[in-house]
């Protein structure tokens, strides 16, 4: 790998409703605006030869990748699904509002698991993302498009920049906007995410 084009999915129907979704089987996909954002991502990437694509298991990420690649490239670009790129597993907060999620997050530490059997901690998720990004660095393809979710993109951007706070200085990650990483930057991100 020489270049990673890392992007959050386009606007989802859950984004529109302000609902938290960490279970790929419950994903409702992209909103009409999200579909447009996926196509616009494709315009931004049109001049770049993409050798492979990696997405999470969520339909919203996979559909964004297909729209960004366009039909012809989507049919010929090797694509892999990596569950370690999935959104945060929020346990009992699944289907609740973003306000509920933020309230819970403010009252807990990064090492606390979200409530319920399927919940994970933010630290656990960071380690999961590190594993996924490390696998990307080891891929033989030169240029890789990766479409996943706001939190893994935010964490990678901040970690590659050397921030010990994975949520800052960059916090808001725009939908379907590519962030570029060369291999050393992604390796820095992996090392920081593992701390």
N, C-alpha and C. Protein backbone atom coordinates (compact mmCIF):
# COMPACT_ATOMS: atom_id res chain seq x y z
N UNK A 1 0.83 -1.19 0.00
CA UNK A 1 0.00 0.00 0.00
C UNK A 1 0.87 1.24 0.00
N UNK A 2 0.51 2.18 -0.89
CA UNK A 2 1.19 3.47 -0.90
C UNK A 2 0.25 4.59 -0.50
N UNK A 3 -1.02 4.47 -0.87
CA UNK A 3 -1.97 5.55 -0.61
C UNK A 3 -3.31 4.95 -0.17
N UNK A 4 -3.82 5.46 0.95
CA UNK A 4 -5.15 5.09 1.43
C UNK A 4 -6.06 6.30 1.29
N UNK A 5 -7.20 6.11 0.66
CA UNK A 5 -8.24 7.11 0.56
C UNK A 5 -9.33 6.67 1.54
N UNK A 6 -9.37 7.31 2.69
CA UNK A 6 -10.26 6.90 3.77
C UNK A 6 -11.44 7.85 3.84
N UNK A 7 -12.65 7.30 3.82
CA UNK A 7 -13.85 8.14 3.81
C UNK A 7 -14.93 7.56 4.70
N UNK A 8 -15.70 8.47 5.29
CA UNK A 8 -16.92 8.09 5.98
C UNK A 8 -18.00 7.86 4.92
N UNK A 9 -18.95 7.02 5.21
CA UNK A 9 -20.08 6.78 4.31
C UNK A 9 -20.87 8.07 4.07
N UNK A 10 -21.71 8.07 3.05
CA UNK A 10 -22.63 9.18 2.83
C UNK A 10 -23.70 9.23 3.91
N UNK A 11 -24.44 10.31 3.93
CA UNK A 11 -25.48 10.47 4.95
C UNK A 11 -26.42 9.26 4.94
N UNK A 12 -26.67 8.71 6.13
CA UNK A 12 -27.55 7.56 6.24
C UNK A 12 -28.93 7.99 6.69
N UNK A 13 -29.88 7.09 6.53
CA UNK A 13 -31.23 7.37 7.03
C UNK A 13 -31.21 7.51 8.55
N UNK A 14 -30.34 6.77 9.23
CA UNK A 14 -30.21 6.93 10.68
C UNK A 14 -29.61 8.29 11.02
N UNK A 15 -28.67 8.80 10.21
CA UNK A 15 -28.14 10.15 10.44
C UNK A 15 -29.27 11.16 10.40
N UNK A 16 -30.15 11.03 9.42
CA UNK A 16 -31.28 11.96 9.27
C UNK A 16 -32.15 11.92 10.52
N UNK A 17 -32.39 10.74 11.06
CA UNK A 17 -33.27 10.58 12.22
C UNK A 17 -32.57 10.81 13.55
N UNK A 18 -31.23 10.97 13.53
CA UNK A 18 -30.49 11.17 14.78
C UNK A 18 -30.47 9.94 15.66
N UNK A 19 -30.37 8.77 15.03
CA UNK A 19 -30.41 7.48 15.73
C UNK A 19 -29.04 6.82 15.70
N UNK A 20 -28.66 6.20 16.81
CA UNK A 20 -27.39 5.50 16.91
C UNK A 20 -27.56 4.08 16.36
N UNK A 21 -26.61 3.65 15.53
CA UNK A 21 -26.67 2.31 14.94
C UNK A 21 -25.29 1.70 14.90
N UNK A 22 -25.08 0.66 15.71
CA UNK A 22 -23.81 -0.05 15.71
C UNK A 22 -23.94 -1.50 15.27
N UNK A 23 -25.11 -1.86 14.76
CA UNK A 23 -25.38 -3.23 14.32
C UNK A 23 -25.63 -3.21 12.82
N UNK A 24 -24.73 -3.83 12.03
CA UNK A 24 -24.89 -3.76 10.58
C UNK A 24 -26.19 -4.37 10.07
N UNK A 25 -26.77 -5.31 10.80
CA UNK A 25 -28.01 -5.93 10.35
C UNK A 25 -29.21 -4.99 10.47
N UNK A 26 -29.07 -3.94 11.24
CA UNK A 26 -30.17 -2.98 11.42
C UNK A 26 -30.01 -1.74 10.55
N UNK A 27 -28.90 -1.64 9.84
CA UNK A 27 -28.64 -0.47 8.98
C UNK A 27 -29.73 -0.31 7.93
N UNK A 28 -30.23 0.90 7.77
CA UNK A 28 -31.27 1.19 6.78
C UNK A 28 -30.70 1.77 5.48
N UNK A 29 -29.39 1.94 5.41
CA UNK A 29 -28.78 2.44 4.18
C UNK A 29 -28.71 3.95 4.10
N UNK A 30 -28.45 4.42 2.90
CA UNK A 30 -28.23 5.84 2.64
C UNK A 30 -29.53 6.59 2.41
N UNK A 31 -29.50 7.86 2.78
CA UNK A 31 -30.58 8.77 2.42
C UNK A 31 -30.37 9.20 0.96
N UNK A 32 -31.34 9.85 0.33
CA UNK A 32 -31.11 10.37 -1.02
C UNK A 32 -29.90 11.31 -1.07
N UNK A 33 -29.73 12.15 -0.04
CA UNK A 33 -28.54 13.02 0.00
C UNK A 33 -27.28 12.17 0.10
N UNK A 34 -27.32 11.11 0.90
CA UNK A 34 -26.16 10.23 1.03
C UNK A 34 -25.78 9.57 -0.28
N UNK A 35 -26.78 9.21 -1.08
CA UNK A 35 -26.49 8.66 -2.41
C UNK A 35 -25.80 9.70 -3.28
N UNK A 36 -26.27 10.93 -3.23
CA UNK A 36 -25.62 12.02 -3.99
C UNK A 36 -24.18 12.22 -3.50
N UNK A 37 -23.98 12.16 -2.18
CA UNK A 37 -22.64 12.32 -1.63
C UNK A 37 -21.71 11.21 -2.11
N UNK A 38 -22.22 9.99 -2.20
CA UNK A 38 -21.41 8.89 -2.71
C UNK A 38 -20.98 9.12 -4.15
N UNK A 39 -21.91 9.61 -4.97
CA UNK A 39 -21.56 9.92 -6.37
C UNK A 39 -20.55 11.07 -6.44
N UNK A 40 -20.70 12.07 -5.59
CA UNK A 40 -19.76 13.20 -5.58
C UNK A 40 -18.37 12.75 -5.13
N UNK A 41 -18.32 11.80 -4.20
CA UNK A 41 -17.03 11.23 -3.82
C UNK A 41 -16.38 10.59 -5.05
N UNK A 42 -17.19 9.93 -5.86
CA UNK A 42 -16.67 9.35 -7.09
C UNK A 42 -16.07 10.37 -8.02
N UNK A 43 -16.68 11.54 -8.11
CA UNK A 43 -16.14 12.62 -8.95
C UNK A 43 -14.77 13.04 -8.41
N UNK A 44 -14.65 13.15 -7.08
CA UNK A 44 -13.37 13.54 -6.48
C UNK A 44 -12.27 12.51 -6.73
N UNK A 45 -12.68 11.24 -6.85
CA UNK A 45 -11.71 10.16 -7.01
C UNK A 45 -11.53 9.72 -8.46
N UNK A 46 -12.24 10.36 -9.38
CA UNK A 46 -12.25 9.91 -10.78
C UNK A 46 -10.86 9.86 -11.41
N UNK A 47 -9.97 10.74 -11.02
CA UNK A 47 -8.65 10.78 -11.62
C UNK A 47 -7.62 9.90 -10.94
N UNK A 48 -8.06 9.07 -10.00
CA UNK A 48 -7.14 8.23 -9.24
C UNK A 48 -7.41 6.76 -9.57
N UNK A 49 -6.37 6.04 -9.90
CA UNK A 49 -6.49 4.61 -10.13
C UNK A 49 -6.60 3.92 -8.77
N UNK A 50 -7.74 3.33 -8.51
CA UNK A 50 -7.98 2.64 -7.24
C UNK A 50 -7.81 1.14 -7.49
N UNK A 51 -6.89 0.55 -6.74
CA UNK A 51 -6.55 -0.86 -6.95
C UNK A 51 -7.40 -1.82 -6.13
N UNK A 52 -7.95 -1.34 -5.01
CA UNK A 52 -8.76 -2.20 -4.15
C UNK A 52 -9.64 -1.32 -3.28
N UNK A 53 -10.68 -1.93 -2.74
CA UNK A 53 -11.61 -1.22 -1.87
C UNK A 53 -11.88 -2.10 -0.64
N UNK A 54 -11.93 -1.45 0.52
CA UNK A 54 -12.24 -2.13 1.77
C UNK A 54 -13.37 -1.36 2.44
N UNK A 55 -14.38 -2.08 2.93
CA UNK A 55 -15.48 -1.43 3.61
C UNK A 55 -15.80 -2.18 4.90
N UNK A 56 -16.64 -1.56 5.72
CA UNK A 56 -17.19 -2.25 6.88
C UNK A 56 -18.33 -3.16 6.40
N UNK A 57 -18.99 -3.82 7.33
CA UNK A 57 -20.11 -4.69 6.98
C UNK A 57 -21.41 -3.91 6.77
N UNK A 58 -21.41 -2.63 7.06
CA UNK A 58 -22.64 -1.85 7.00
C UNK A 58 -23.04 -1.52 5.57
N UNK A 59 -24.31 -1.73 5.21
CA UNK A 59 -24.78 -1.39 3.87
C UNK A 59 -24.49 0.07 3.49
N UNK A 60 -24.58 0.99 4.45
CA UNK A 60 -24.34 2.40 4.11
C UNK A 60 -22.90 2.63 3.63
N UNK A 61 -21.95 1.91 4.20
CA UNK A 61 -20.56 2.03 3.76
C UNK A 61 -20.35 1.34 2.41
N UNK A 62 -20.93 0.16 2.24
CA UNK A 62 -20.77 -0.57 0.99
C UNK A 62 -21.42 0.17 -0.18
N UNK A 63 -22.60 0.74 0.05
CA UNK A 63 -23.28 1.48 -1.01
C UNK A 63 -22.51 2.75 -1.38
N UNK A 64 -21.95 3.44 -0.39
CA UNK A 64 -21.14 4.63 -0.68
C UNK A 64 -19.95 4.24 -1.55
N UNK A 65 -19.30 3.14 -1.22
CA UNK A 65 -18.15 2.68 -2.01
C UNK A 65 -18.57 2.37 -3.44
N UNK A 66 -19.69 1.66 -3.62
CA UNK A 66 -20.16 1.33 -4.97
C UNK A 66 -20.46 2.60 -5.78
N UNK A 67 -21.12 3.55 -5.14
CA UNK A 67 -21.44 4.80 -5.83
C UNK A 67 -20.17 5.58 -6.17
N UNK A 68 -19.22 5.59 -5.25
CA UNK A 68 -17.97 6.33 -5.50
C UNK A 68 -17.16 5.69 -6.62
N UNK A 69 -17.15 4.37 -6.67
CA UNK A 69 -16.39 3.69 -7.72
C UNK A 69 -17.10 3.78 -9.07
N UNK A 70 -18.41 3.91 -9.06
CA UNK A 70 -19.17 3.87 -10.30
C UNK A 70 -19.32 2.42 -10.74
N UNK A 71 -20.29 2.16 -11.59
CA UNK A 71 -20.63 0.78 -11.94
C UNK A 71 -19.45 0.03 -12.55
N UNK A 72 -18.77 0.64 -13.51
CA UNK A 72 -17.69 -0.07 -14.20
C UNK A 72 -16.54 -0.40 -13.25
N UNK A 73 -16.11 0.59 -12.46
CA UNK A 73 -15.00 0.33 -11.53
C UNK A 73 -15.43 -0.60 -10.41
N UNK A 74 -16.68 -0.50 -9.95
CA UNK A 74 -17.15 -1.36 -8.87
C UNK A 74 -17.12 -2.83 -9.29
N UNK A 75 -17.37 -3.09 -10.57
CA UNK A 75 -17.37 -4.47 -11.06
C UNK A 75 -15.97 -5.05 -11.21
N UNK A 76 -14.96 -4.19 -11.35
CA UNK A 76 -13.60 -4.68 -11.59
C UNK A 76 -12.64 -4.45 -10.43
N UNK A 77 -13.03 -3.64 -9.45
CA UNK A 77 -12.14 -3.36 -8.32
C UNK A 77 -12.34 -4.41 -7.23
N UNK A 78 -11.27 -5.12 -6.85
CA UNK A 78 -11.41 -6.09 -5.77
C UNK A 78 -11.88 -5.38 -4.49
N UNK A 79 -12.92 -5.94 -3.88
CA UNK A 79 -13.49 -5.33 -2.68
C UNK A 79 -13.52 -6.35 -1.55
N UNK A 80 -13.14 -5.89 -0.38
CA UNK A 80 -13.13 -6.76 0.80
C UNK A 80 -13.94 -6.10 1.91
N UNK A 81 -14.67 -6.89 2.66
CA UNK A 81 -15.41 -6.41 3.81
C UNK A 81 -14.64 -6.79 5.06
N UNK A 82 -14.37 -5.81 5.91
CA UNK A 82 -13.62 -6.04 7.14
C UNK A 82 -14.48 -5.62 8.33
N UNK A 83 -14.94 -6.58 9.12
CA UNK A 83 -15.81 -6.30 10.26
C UNK A 83 -15.14 -5.42 11.31
N UNK A 84 -13.80 -5.40 11.34
CA UNK A 84 -13.11 -4.55 12.31
C UNK A 84 -13.25 -3.07 11.99
N UNK A 85 -13.78 -2.74 10.82
CA UNK A 85 -14.05 -1.34 10.47
C UNK A 85 -15.48 -0.93 10.80
N UNK A 86 -16.26 -1.84 11.38
CA UNK A 86 -17.65 -1.53 11.72
C UNK A 86 -17.72 -0.38 12.72
N UNK A 87 -18.88 0.25 12.77
CA UNK A 87 -19.13 1.33 13.72
C UNK A 87 -19.06 0.79 15.14
N UNK A 88 -19.01 1.70 16.11
CA UNK A 88 -18.95 1.34 17.53
C UNK A 88 -20.13 0.43 17.89
N UNK A 89 -19.84 -0.61 18.63
CA UNK A 89 -20.89 -1.53 19.10
C UNK A 89 -21.47 -0.95 20.39
N UNK A 90 -22.64 -0.34 20.27
CA UNK A 90 -23.21 0.45 21.36
C UNK A 90 -24.14 -0.32 22.28
N UNK A 91 -24.26 -1.62 22.10
CA UNK A 91 -25.03 -2.44 23.01
C UNK A 91 -26.47 -1.98 23.15
N UNK A 92 -26.89 -1.74 24.39
CA UNK A 92 -28.27 -1.37 24.68
C UNK A 92 -28.65 0.02 24.17
N UNK A 93 -27.68 0.79 23.72
CA UNK A 93 -27.99 2.11 23.14
C UNK A 93 -28.40 2.00 21.67
N UNK A 94 -28.32 0.79 21.12
CA UNK A 94 -28.73 0.57 19.73
C UNK A 94 -30.15 1.10 19.52
N UNK A 95 -30.32 1.94 18.50
CA UNK A 95 -31.62 2.47 18.16
C UNK A 95 -32.05 3.67 18.99
N UNK A 96 -31.20 4.09 19.93
CA UNK A 96 -31.52 5.26 20.75
C UNK A 96 -31.03 6.51 20.04
N UNK A 97 -31.29 7.66 20.62
CA UNK A 97 -30.92 8.92 19.98
C UNK A 97 -29.44 9.25 20.17
N UNK A 98 -28.93 10.12 19.32
CA UNK A 98 -27.55 10.60 19.48
C UNK A 98 -27.38 11.30 20.82
N UNK A 99 -28.41 12.01 21.29
CA UNK A 99 -28.33 12.66 22.60
C UNK A 99 -28.15 11.63 23.71
N UNK A 100 -28.85 10.50 23.62
CA UNK A 100 -28.67 9.42 24.60
C UNK A 100 -27.23 8.91 24.57
N UNK A 101 -26.71 8.72 23.38
CA UNK A 101 -25.33 8.25 23.20
C UNK A 101 -24.34 9.24 23.82
N UNK A 102 -24.51 10.52 23.48
CA UNK A 102 -23.58 11.54 23.99
C UNK A 102 -23.67 11.69 25.50
N UNK A 103 -24.86 11.59 26.05
CA UNK A 103 -25.02 11.66 27.50
C UNK A 103 -24.29 10.51 28.17
N UNK A 104 -24.47 9.30 27.64
CA UNK A 104 -23.78 8.14 28.20
C UNK A 104 -22.26 8.33 28.09
N UNK A 105 -21.80 8.77 26.94
CA UNK A 105 -20.35 8.91 26.69
C UNK A 105 -19.73 9.93 27.65
N UNK A 106 -20.42 11.05 27.90
CA UNK A 106 -19.88 12.08 28.81
C UNK A 106 -19.77 11.56 30.24
N UNK A 107 -20.63 10.62 30.62
CA UNK A 107 -20.65 10.12 31.99
C UNK A 107 -19.70 8.94 32.22
N UNK A 108 -19.01 8.50 31.18
CA UNK A 108 -18.16 7.32 31.30
C UNK A 108 -16.77 7.57 30.73
N UNK A 109 -15.86 6.67 31.07
CA UNK A 109 -14.50 6.71 30.54
C UNK A 109 -14.42 5.94 29.23
N UNK A 110 -13.35 6.17 28.50
CA UNK A 110 -13.14 5.46 27.23
C UNK A 110 -13.04 3.95 27.44
N UNK A 111 -12.61 3.53 28.60
CA UNK A 111 -12.43 2.11 28.89
C UNK A 111 -13.73 1.42 29.32
N UNK A 112 -14.79 2.19 29.57
CA UNK A 112 -16.08 1.60 29.96
C UNK A 112 -16.80 1.06 28.74
N UNK A 113 -17.33 -0.14 28.88
CA UNK A 113 -18.10 -0.75 27.79
C UNK A 113 -19.49 -0.14 27.74
N UNK A 114 -20.01 0.04 26.53
CA UNK A 114 -21.39 0.46 26.40
C UNK A 114 -22.27 -0.63 27.03
N UNK A 115 -23.42 -0.25 27.59
CA UNK A 115 -24.23 -1.22 28.33
C UNK A 115 -24.76 -2.35 27.45
N UNK A 116 -24.91 -3.51 28.07
CA UNK A 116 -25.45 -4.66 27.34
C UNK A 116 -24.35 -5.60 26.89
N UNK A 117 -24.76 -6.82 26.61
CA UNK A 117 -23.81 -7.88 26.25
C UNK A 117 -23.00 -7.56 25.00
N UNK A 118 -23.61 -6.84 24.05
CA UNK A 118 -22.91 -6.59 22.79
C UNK A 118 -22.12 -5.29 22.79
N UNK A 119 -22.17 -4.52 23.89
CA UNK A 119 -21.46 -3.25 23.93
C UNK A 119 -19.95 -3.43 24.06
N UNK A 120 -19.21 -2.51 23.47
CA UNK A 120 -17.76 -2.51 23.60
C UNK A 120 -17.32 -1.14 24.10
N UNK A 121 -16.10 -1.03 24.55
CA UNK A 121 -15.58 0.27 24.97
C UNK A 121 -14.99 1.00 23.77
N UNK A 122 -14.82 2.30 23.92
CA UNK A 122 -14.18 3.09 22.87
C UNK A 122 -12.73 2.64 22.69
N UNK A 123 -12.07 2.27 23.80
CA UNK A 123 -10.69 1.75 23.69
C UNK A 123 -10.66 0.45 22.90
N UNK A 124 -11.63 -0.44 23.18
CA UNK A 124 -11.69 -1.70 22.41
C UNK A 124 -11.89 -1.42 20.93
N UNK A 125 -12.76 -0.47 20.62
CA UNK A 125 -13.00 -0.12 19.22
C UNK A 125 -11.73 0.44 18.58
N UNK A 126 -11.00 1.28 19.30
CA UNK A 126 -9.75 1.83 18.75
C UNK A 126 -8.76 0.72 18.42
N UNK A 127 -8.67 -0.29 19.28
CA UNK A 127 -7.77 -1.41 19.00
C UNK A 127 -8.25 -2.21 17.80
N UNK A 128 -9.55 -2.36 17.67
CA UNK A 128 -10.13 -3.05 16.51
C UNK A 128 -9.80 -2.29 15.23
N UNK A 129 -9.94 -0.96 15.27
CA UNK A 129 -9.61 -0.14 14.10
C UNK A 129 -8.13 -0.25 13.77
N UNK A 130 -7.28 -0.27 14.79
CA UNK A 130 -5.84 -0.42 14.55
C UNK A 130 -5.56 -1.72 13.80
N UNK A 131 -6.21 -2.81 14.20
CA UNK A 131 -6.02 -4.08 13.52
C UNK A 131 -6.42 -3.98 12.05
N UNK A 132 -7.56 -3.37 11.79
CA UNK A 132 -8.04 -3.23 10.41
C UNK A 132 -7.09 -2.37 9.58
N UNK A 133 -6.68 -1.24 10.13
CA UNK A 133 -5.78 -0.34 9.38
C UNK A 133 -4.42 -0.99 9.16
N UNK A 134 -3.96 -1.77 10.13
CA UNK A 134 -2.68 -2.47 9.91
C UNK A 134 -2.80 -3.45 8.75
N UNK A 135 -3.92 -4.16 8.67
CA UNK A 135 -4.11 -5.07 7.53
C UNK A 135 -4.09 -4.30 6.21
N UNK A 136 -4.64 -3.09 6.21
CA UNK A 136 -4.60 -2.27 4.99
C UNK A 136 -3.16 -1.95 4.61
N UNK A 137 -2.32 -1.61 5.59
CA UNK A 137 -0.91 -1.28 5.28
C UNK A 137 -0.18 -2.46 4.67
N UNK A 138 -0.64 -3.68 4.94
CA UNK A 138 0.04 -4.89 4.45
C UNK A 138 -0.48 -5.37 3.10
N UNK A 139 -1.52 -4.71 2.60
CA UNK A 139 -2.10 -5.14 1.31
C UNK A 139 -1.11 -4.89 0.18
N UNK A 140 -1.13 -5.73 -0.85
CA UNK A 140 -0.20 -5.56 -1.97
C UNK A 140 -0.61 -4.45 -2.94
N UNK A 141 -1.88 -4.05 -2.93
CA UNK A 141 -2.33 -3.01 -3.86
C UNK A 141 -1.75 -1.64 -3.46
N UNK A 142 -1.51 -0.81 -4.46
CA UNK A 142 -0.88 0.49 -4.19
C UNK A 142 -1.86 1.51 -3.63
N UNK A 143 -3.04 1.64 -4.24
CA UNK A 143 -4.00 2.66 -3.84
C UNK A 143 -5.30 1.99 -3.43
N UNK A 144 -5.72 2.27 -2.20
CA UNK A 144 -6.88 1.59 -1.63
C UNK A 144 -7.91 2.62 -1.18
N UNK A 145 -9.16 2.39 -1.56
CA UNK A 145 -10.28 3.17 -1.05
C UNK A 145 -10.86 2.40 0.12
N UNK A 146 -11.04 3.08 1.25
CA UNK A 146 -11.65 2.47 2.42
C UNK A 146 -12.83 3.33 2.84
N UNK A 147 -14.01 2.74 2.89
CA UNK A 147 -15.20 3.46 3.31
C UNK A 147 -15.74 2.80 4.57
N UNK A 148 -15.82 3.60 5.64
CA UNK A 148 -16.31 3.06 6.90
C UNK A 148 -17.16 4.11 7.61
N UNK A 149 -16.78 4.53 8.81
CA UNK A 149 -17.65 5.33 9.66
C UNK A 149 -16.91 6.51 10.27
N UNK A 150 -17.66 7.43 10.84
CA UNK A 150 -17.08 8.66 11.37
C UNK A 150 -16.00 8.39 12.41
N UNK A 151 -16.27 7.51 13.35
CA UNK A 151 -15.32 7.34 14.45
C UNK A 151 -13.99 6.73 13.99
N UNK A 152 -13.96 5.66 13.21
CA UNK A 152 -12.64 5.19 12.77
C UNK A 152 -11.89 6.20 11.91
N UNK A 153 -12.62 6.98 11.10
CA UNK A 153 -11.95 8.01 10.30
C UNK A 153 -11.38 9.09 11.23
N UNK A 154 -12.19 9.56 12.18
CA UNK A 154 -11.73 10.59 13.13
C UNK A 154 -10.51 10.10 13.89
N UNK A 155 -10.58 8.88 14.41
CA UNK A 155 -9.47 8.34 15.17
C UNK A 155 -8.20 8.26 14.32
N UNK A 156 -8.33 7.80 13.09
CA UNK A 156 -7.15 7.67 12.21
C UNK A 156 -6.56 9.03 11.89
N UNK A 157 -7.40 10.01 11.58
CA UNK A 157 -6.91 11.36 11.25
C UNK A 157 -6.15 11.95 12.43
N UNK A 158 -6.73 11.89 13.63
CA UNK A 158 -6.08 12.48 14.80
C UNK A 158 -4.84 11.69 15.22
N UNK A 159 -4.92 10.37 15.16
CA UNK A 159 -3.77 9.55 15.55
C UNK A 159 -2.59 9.76 14.59
N UNK A 160 -2.87 9.85 13.29
CA UNK A 160 -1.79 10.07 12.32
C UNK A 160 -1.14 11.43 12.52
N UNK A 161 -1.91 12.40 13.01
CA UNK A 161 -1.37 13.75 13.26
C UNK A 161 -0.60 13.82 14.58
N UNK A 162 -0.60 12.73 15.34
CA UNK A 162 0.16 12.69 16.58
C UNK A 162 -0.62 13.07 17.82
N UNK A 163 -1.92 13.25 17.70
CA UNK A 163 -2.73 13.62 18.86
C UNK A 163 -2.95 12.41 19.76
N UNK A 164 -2.83 12.61 21.05
CA UNK A 164 -3.14 11.55 22.01
C UNK A 164 -4.63 11.50 22.30
N UNK A 165 -5.36 12.54 21.91
CA UNK A 165 -6.82 12.60 22.08
C UNK A 165 -7.44 12.20 20.75
N UNK A 166 -7.97 11.00 20.66
CA UNK A 166 -8.47 10.49 19.39
C UNK A 166 -9.67 11.27 18.87
N UNK A 167 -10.32 12.03 19.72
CA UNK A 167 -11.48 12.81 19.30
C UNK A 167 -11.13 14.25 18.89
N UNK A 168 -9.85 14.63 19.01
CA UNK A 168 -9.46 16.02 18.70
C UNK A 168 -8.02 16.06 18.18
N UNK A 169 -7.65 17.06 17.42
CA UNK A 169 -8.36 18.31 17.16
C UNK A 169 -9.48 18.18 16.11
N UNK A 170 -9.38 17.19 15.23
CA UNK A 170 -10.44 17.02 14.24
C UNK A 170 -11.55 16.19 14.88
N UNK A 171 -12.75 16.75 14.93
CA UNK A 171 -13.85 16.01 15.53
C UNK A 171 -14.94 15.67 14.51
N UNK A 172 -15.41 16.67 13.80
CA UNK A 172 -16.49 16.43 12.84
C UNK A 172 -15.91 15.93 11.52
N UNK A 173 -16.37 14.78 11.11
CA UNK A 173 -15.91 14.16 9.86
C UNK A 173 -17.06 14.24 8.86
N UNK A 174 -16.82 14.94 7.78
CA UNK A 174 -17.87 15.11 6.77
C UNK A 174 -18.15 13.78 6.07
N UNK A 175 -19.38 13.63 5.65
CA UNK A 175 -19.76 12.43 4.91
C UNK A 175 -19.08 12.41 3.55
N UNK A 176 -18.65 11.22 3.14
CA UNK A 176 -18.14 10.98 1.79
C UNK A 176 -17.07 11.98 1.36
N UNK A 177 -16.15 12.27 2.27
CA UNK A 177 -15.03 13.16 2.00
C UNK A 177 -13.74 12.38 2.22
N UNK A 178 -12.87 12.31 1.22
CA UNK A 178 -11.67 11.49 1.37
C UNK A 178 -10.57 12.16 2.20
N UNK A 179 -9.99 11.37 3.07
CA UNK A 179 -8.80 11.75 3.83
C UNK A 179 -7.68 10.87 3.31
N UNK A 180 -6.54 11.48 2.99
CA UNK A 180 -5.44 10.75 2.36
C UNK A 180 -4.36 10.41 3.36
N UNK A 181 -3.90 9.16 3.29
CA UNK A 181 -2.84 8.65 4.16
C UNK A 181 -1.82 7.93 3.30
N UNK A 182 -0.55 8.29 3.47
CA UNK A 182 0.48 7.42 2.90
C UNK A 182 0.76 6.33 3.93
N UNK A 183 1.60 5.37 3.59
CA UNK A 183 1.83 4.24 4.49
C UNK A 183 2.41 4.67 5.83
N UNK A 184 3.43 5.56 5.87
CA UNK A 184 3.95 5.97 7.19
C UNK A 184 2.89 6.64 8.07
N UNK A 185 2.01 7.45 7.47
CA UNK A 185 0.96 8.10 8.27
C UNK A 185 -0.01 7.08 8.84
N UNK A 186 -0.37 6.09 8.04
CA UNK A 186 -1.29 5.07 8.53
C UNK A 186 -0.62 4.21 9.60
N UNK A 187 0.67 3.94 9.45
CA UNK A 187 1.40 3.19 10.48
C UNK A 187 1.46 3.98 11.79
N UNK A 188 1.64 5.32 11.70
CA UNK A 188 1.60 6.16 12.92
C UNK A 188 0.24 6.07 13.59
N UNK A 189 -0.81 6.11 12.77
CA UNK A 189 -2.16 6.02 13.31
C UNK A 189 -2.35 4.69 14.03
N UNK A 190 -1.91 3.60 13.42
CA UNK A 190 -2.05 2.28 14.03
C UNK A 190 -1.34 2.24 15.39
N UNK A 191 -0.12 2.75 15.44
CA UNK A 191 0.64 2.73 16.69
C UNK A 191 -0.06 3.52 17.78
N UNK A 192 -0.60 4.69 17.43
CA UNK A 192 -1.29 5.52 18.43
C UNK A 192 -2.61 4.87 18.86
N UNK A 193 -3.33 4.28 17.94
CA UNK A 193 -4.60 3.63 18.29
C UNK A 193 -4.39 2.45 19.24
N UNK A 194 -3.23 1.85 19.20
CA UNK A 194 -2.97 0.69 20.06
C UNK A 194 -2.56 1.09 21.48
N UNK A 195 -2.24 2.36 21.69
CA UNK A 195 -1.81 2.80 23.04
C UNK A 195 -2.97 2.87 24.00
